[in-house]
């Protein structure tokens, strides 16, 4: 689970850059937060409209891996720093991993065509062939 400030921004980021699909959205009005569940799927694979009873059932029977994004209502306009950026002392979060056919080509497309920023490119550092991209709020 990742906490997000701006659902529109974060959903667009994961959908447009990583080909993820929104499987479901669940609102909790009493607690003032929403959950968004995304997954990578084949374009030909159908899924119900997010937020429907059919989507809720589909989500809980989905056999793949999902990414859960949590939006605490009202945080989108908060000017303070956003949550833990990861990999700092005391942080428990490191990164989310995606497999791709060609990490060099994928990084080039993300950076040049989609303006994604990177903490580490494939040939930087000791770990070759791995990259770490920042999300819209610069969490890697």
C-alpha atoms as a PDB file:
ATOM      1  CA  UNK A   1       0.000   0.000   0.000  1.00  0.00           C
ATOM      2  CA  UNK A   2       1.191   3.471  -0.888  1.00  0.00           C
ATOM      3  CA  UNK A   3      -0.328   6.659   0.452  1.00  0.00           C
ATOM      4  CA  UNK A   4      -1.051   9.246  -2.218  1.00  0.00           C
ATOM      5  CA  UNK A   5      -2.121  12.880  -2.141  1.00  0.00           C
ATOM      6  CA  UNK A   6      -3.710  13.339  -5.536  1.00  0.00           C
ATOM      7  CA  UNK A   7      -5.656  10.354  -6.918  1.00  0.00           C
ATOM      8  CA  UNK A   8      -5.956  11.822 -10.421  1.00  0.00           C
ATOM      9  CA  UNK A   9      -2.207  12.446 -10.629  1.00  0.00           C
ATOM     10  CA  UNK A  10      -1.192   9.096  -9.140  1.00  0.00           C
ATOM     11  CA  UNK A  11      -3.688   7.013 -11.115  1.00  0.00           C
ATOM     12  CA  UNK A  12      -2.600   8.677 -14.359  1.00  0.00           C
ATOM     13  CA  UNK A  13       1.070   8.062 -13.457  1.00  0.00           C
ATOM     14  CA  UNK A  14       0.688   4.321 -12.888  1.00  0.00           C
ATOM     15  CA  UNK A  15      -1.758   3.822 -15.769  1.00  0.00           C
ATOM     16  CA  UNK A  16       0.117   5.840 -18.395  1.00  0.00           C
ATOM     17  CA  UNK A  17       3.695   4.905 -17.437  1.00  0.00           C
ATOM     18  CA  UNK A  18       3.356   1.298 -16.319  1.00  0.00           C
ATOM     19  CA  UNK A  19       0.249   0.153 -18.157  1.00  0.00           C
ATOM     20  CA  UNK A  20      -1.682  -0.552 -14.976  1.00  0.00           C
ATOM     21  CA  UNK A  21      -5.467  -0.747 -14.930  1.00  0.00           C
ATOM     22  CA  UNK A  22      -7.729   0.488 -12.143  1.00  0.00           C
ATOM     23  CA  UNK A  23      -9.575  -2.613 -10.930  1.00  0.00           C
ATOM     24  CA  UNK A  24     -11.570  -1.068  -8.122  1.00  0.00           C
ATOM     25  CA  UNK A  25     -12.102   2.012  -5.983  1.00  0.00           C
ATOM     26  CA  UNK A  26     -13.564   1.777  -2.504  1.00  0.00           C
ATOM     27  CA  UNK A  27     -14.580   4.885  -0.552  1.00  0.00           C
ATOM     28  CA  UNK A  28     -14.795   5.014   3.244  1.00  0.00           C
ATOM     29  CA  UNK A  29     -16.743   8.251   3.879  1.00  0.00           C
ATOM     30  CA  UNK A  30     -16.894   7.857   7.667  1.00  0.00           C
ATOM     31  CA  UNK A  31     -13.101   7.530   7.880  1.00  0.00           C
ATOM     32  CA  UNK A  32     -12.510   9.984   5.006  1.00  0.00           C
ATOM     33  CA  UNK A  33     -10.263   7.885   2.785  1.00  0.00           C
ATOM     34  CA  UNK A  34     -10.403   5.959  -0.493  1.00  0.00           C
ATOM     35  CA  UNK A  35      -8.581   2.864  -1.715  1.00  0.00           C
ATOM     36  CA  UNK A  36      -7.581   2.358  -5.339  1.00  0.00           C
ATOM     37  CA  UNK A  37      -6.456  -1.060  -6.601  1.00  0.00           C
ATOM     38  CA  UNK A  38      -4.418  -1.342  -9.805  1.00  0.00           C
ATOM     39  CA  UNK A  39      -2.877  -4.260 -11.687  1.00  0.00           C
ATOM     40  CA  UNK A  40      -1.035  -4.993 -14.905  1.00  0.00           C
ATOM     41  CA  UNK A  41      -3.222  -7.038 -17.224  1.00  0.00           C
ATOM     42  CA  UNK A  42      -3.543  -7.929 -20.874  1.00  0.00           C
ATOM     43  CA  UNK A  43      -5.552  -5.334 -22.785  1.00  0.00           C
ATOM     44  CA  UNK A  44      -7.841  -8.109 -23.991  1.00  0.00           C
ATOM     45  CA  UNK A  45      -8.727  -9.187 -20.440  1.00  0.00           C
ATOM     46  CA  UNK A  46     -12.052  -7.634 -19.380  1.00  0.00           C
ATOM     47  CA  UNK A  47     -12.679  -6.190 -15.925  1.00  0.00           C
ATOM     48  CA  UNK A  48     -15.787  -4.609 -14.354  1.00  0.00           C
ATOM     49  CA  UNK A  49     -16.306  -0.879 -13.880  1.00  0.00           C
ATOM     50  CA  UNK A  50     -14.332   0.234 -10.771  1.00  0.00           C
ATOM     51  CA  UNK A  51     -16.509   1.077  -7.771  1.00  0.00           C
ATOM     52  CA  UNK A  52     -19.238  -1.428  -8.615  1.00  0.00           C
ATOM     53  CA  UNK A  53     -20.253  -4.556  -6.726  1.00  0.00           C
ATOM     54  CA  UNK A  54     -18.955  -6.584  -9.681  1.00  0.00           C
ATOM     55  CA  UNK A  55     -15.558  -4.846  -9.358  1.00  0.00           C
ATOM     56  CA  UNK A  56     -15.435  -5.570  -5.606  1.00  0.00           C
ATOM     57  CA  UNK A  57     -16.061  -9.270  -6.266  1.00  0.00           C
ATOM     58  CA  UNK A  58     -13.561  -9.302  -9.132  1.00  0.00           C
ATOM     59  CA  UNK A  59     -10.853  -7.647  -7.002  1.00  0.00           C
ATOM     60  CA  UNK A  60     -11.086 -10.170  -4.175  1.00  0.00           C
ATOM     61  CA  UNK A  61     -10.935 -13.094  -6.609  1.00  0.00           C
ATOM     62  CA  UNK A  62      -8.197 -11.584  -8.820  1.00  0.00           C
ATOM     63  CA  UNK A  63      -5.307 -14.035  -9.194  1.00  0.00           C
ATOM     64  CA  UNK A  64      -2.628 -11.472 -10.029  1.00  0.00           C
ATOM     65  CA  UNK A  65      -0.783  -8.919  -7.930  1.00  0.00           C
ATOM     66  CA  UNK A  66      -2.400  -5.587  -7.165  1.00  0.00           C
ATOM     67  CA  UNK A  67      -1.018  -2.239  -6.068  1.00  0.00           C
ATOM     68  CA  UNK A  68      -3.116  -0.521  -3.409  1.00  0.00           C
ATOM     69  CA  UNK A  69      -3.086   3.282  -3.299  1.00  0.00           C
ATOM     70  CA  UNK A  70      -4.612   4.992  -0.251  1.00  0.00           C
ATOM     71  CA  UNK A  71      -5.858   8.565  -0.414  1.00  0.00           C
ATOM     72  CA  UNK A  72      -6.604  10.286   2.886  1.00  0.00           C
ATOM     73  CA  UNK A  73      -9.124  12.967   1.962  1.00  0.00           C
ATOM     74  CA  UNK A  74      -7.884  16.532   2.318  1.00  0.00           C
ATOM     75  CA  UNK A  75      -4.181  15.758   1.869  1.00  0.00           C
ATOM     76  CA  UNK A  76      -4.114  16.922  -1.770  1.00  0.00           C
ATOM     77  CA  UNK A  77      -3.713  20.566  -0.688  1.00  0.00           C
ATOM     78  CA  UNK A  78      -1.337  19.948   2.230  1.00  0.00           C
ATOM     79  CA  UNK A  79       1.952  21.840   1.541  1.00  0.00           C
ATOM     80  CA  UNK A  80       4.025  19.749   3.991  1.00  0.00           C
ATOM     81  CA  UNK A  81       6.355  17.012   2.719  1.00  0.00           C
ATOM     82  CA  UNK A  82       4.607  13.888   1.525  1.00  0.00           C
ATOM     83  CA  UNK A  83       5.128  10.765   3.616  1.00  0.00           C
ATOM     84  CA  UNK A  84       8.418   8.882   3.723  1.00  0.00           C
ATOM     85  CA  UNK A  85      10.425   9.008   0.497  1.00  0.00           C
ATOM     86  CA  UNK A  86      11.918   5.546   1.049  1.00  0.00           C
ATOM     87  CA  UNK A  87      15.476   4.348   1.655  1.00  0.00           C
ATOM     88  CA  UNK A  88      16.173   6.942   4.357  1.00  0.00           C
ATOM     89  CA  UNK A  89      17.280   5.777   7.831  1.00  0.00           C
ATOM     90  CA  UNK A  90      14.261   4.485   9.701  1.00  0.00           C
ATOM     91  CA  UNK A  91      12.141   4.033   6.577  1.00  0.00           C
ATOM     92  CA  UNK A  92      10.688   0.617   5.936  1.00  0.00           C
ATOM     93  CA  UNK A  93       9.696   1.238   2.312  1.00  0.00           C
ATOM     94  CA  UNK A  94      12.146   0.742  -0.512  1.00  0.00           C
ATOM     95  CA  UNK A  95      10.467   0.407  -3.890  1.00  0.00           C
ATOM     96  CA  UNK A  96       7.892  -1.302  -6.100  1.00  0.00           C
ATOM     97  CA  UNK A  97       9.336  -3.590  -8.780  1.00  0.00           C
ATOM     98  CA  UNK A  98       8.113  -4.100 -12.343  1.00  0.00           C
ATOM     99  CA  UNK A  99       9.548  -6.642 -14.770  1.00  0.00           C
ATOM    100  CA  UNK A 100      10.046  -5.477 -18.356  1.00  0.00           C
ATOM    101  CA  UNK A 101      11.567  -6.950 -21.504  1.00  0.00           C
ATOM    102  CA  UNK A 102      14.224  -4.242 -21.953  1.00  0.00           C
ATOM    103  CA  UNK A 103      15.063  -2.024 -18.980  1.00  0.00           C
ATOM    104  CA  UNK A 104      17.149   0.365 -21.095  1.00  0.00           C
ATOM    105  CA  UNK A 105      14.381   0.913 -23.661  1.00  0.00           C
ATOM    106  CA  UNK A 106      11.713   1.202 -20.955  1.00  0.00           C
ATOM    107  CA  UNK A 107      13.743   3.773 -18.995  1.00  0.00           C
ATOM    108  CA  UNK A 108      14.373   5.783 -22.166  1.00  0.00           C
ATOM    109  CA  UNK A 109      10.646   5.805 -22.966  1.00  0.00           C
ATOM    110  CA  UNK A 110       9.697   6.738 -19.402  1.00  0.00           C
ATOM    111  CA  UNK A 111      12.230   9.557 -19.251  1.00  0.00           C
ATOM    112  CA  UNK A 112      12.062  11.004 -22.767  1.00  0.00           C
ATOM    113  CA  UNK A 113       8.445  10.396 -23.707  1.00  0.00           C
ATOM    114  CA  UNK A 114       6.770  10.622 -20.288  1.00  0.00           C
ATOM    115  CA  UNK A 115       9.125  12.919 -18.299  1.00  0.00           C
ATOM    116  CA  UNK A 116       9.621  10.394 -15.492  1.00  0.00           C
ATOM    117  CA  UNK A 117      12.553  11.223 -13.163  1.00  0.00           C
ATOM    118  CA  UNK A 118      14.986   8.575 -11.938  1.00  0.00           C
ATOM    119  CA  UNK A 119      16.932   8.083  -8.751  1.00  0.00           C
ATOM    120  CA  UNK A 120      19.047   5.420 -10.494  1.00  0.00           C
ATOM    121  CA  UNK A 121      19.341   4.506 -14.169  1.00  0.00           C
ATOM    122  CA  UNK A 122      20.282   0.964 -15.328  1.00  0.00           C
ATOM    123  CA  UNK A 123      24.042   1.574 -15.643  1.00  0.00           C
ATOM    124  CA  UNK A 124      24.472   3.713 -12.530  1.00  0.00           C
ATOM    125  CA  UNK A 125      25.729   2.384  -9.215  1.00  0.00           C
ATOM    126  CA  UNK A 126      26.806  -1.170  -8.440  1.00  0.00           C
ATOM    127  CA  UNK A 127      23.569  -2.888  -9.463  1.00  0.00           C
ATOM    128  CA  UNK A 128      23.564  -2.902 -13.271  1.00  0.00           C
ATOM    129  CA  UNK A 129      20.395  -3.500 -15.247  1.00  0.00           C
ATOM    130  CA  UNK A 130      18.094  -2.093 -12.541  1.00  0.00           C
ATOM    131  CA  UNK A 131      16.463   1.312 -12.412  1.00  0.00           C
ATOM    132  CA  UNK A 132      14.594   3.253  -9.747  1.00  0.00           C
ATOM    133  CA  UNK A 133      12.021   5.785 -10.956  1.00  0.00           C
ATOM    134  CA  UNK A 134      10.374   8.430  -8.809  1.00  0.00           C
ATOM    135  CA  UNK A 135       6.584   8.628  -8.626  1.00  0.00           C
ATOM    136  CA  UNK A 136       4.849  12.025  -9.112  1.00  0.00           C
ATOM    137  CA  UNK A 137       5.669  13.065  -5.521  1.00  0.00           C
ATOM    138  CA  UNK A 138       9.286  11.848  -5.836  1.00  0.00           C
ATOM    139  CA  UNK A 139       8.833   8.660  -3.901  1.00  0.00           C
ATOM    140  CA  UNK A 140      10.863   5.897  -5.569  1.00  0.00           C
END
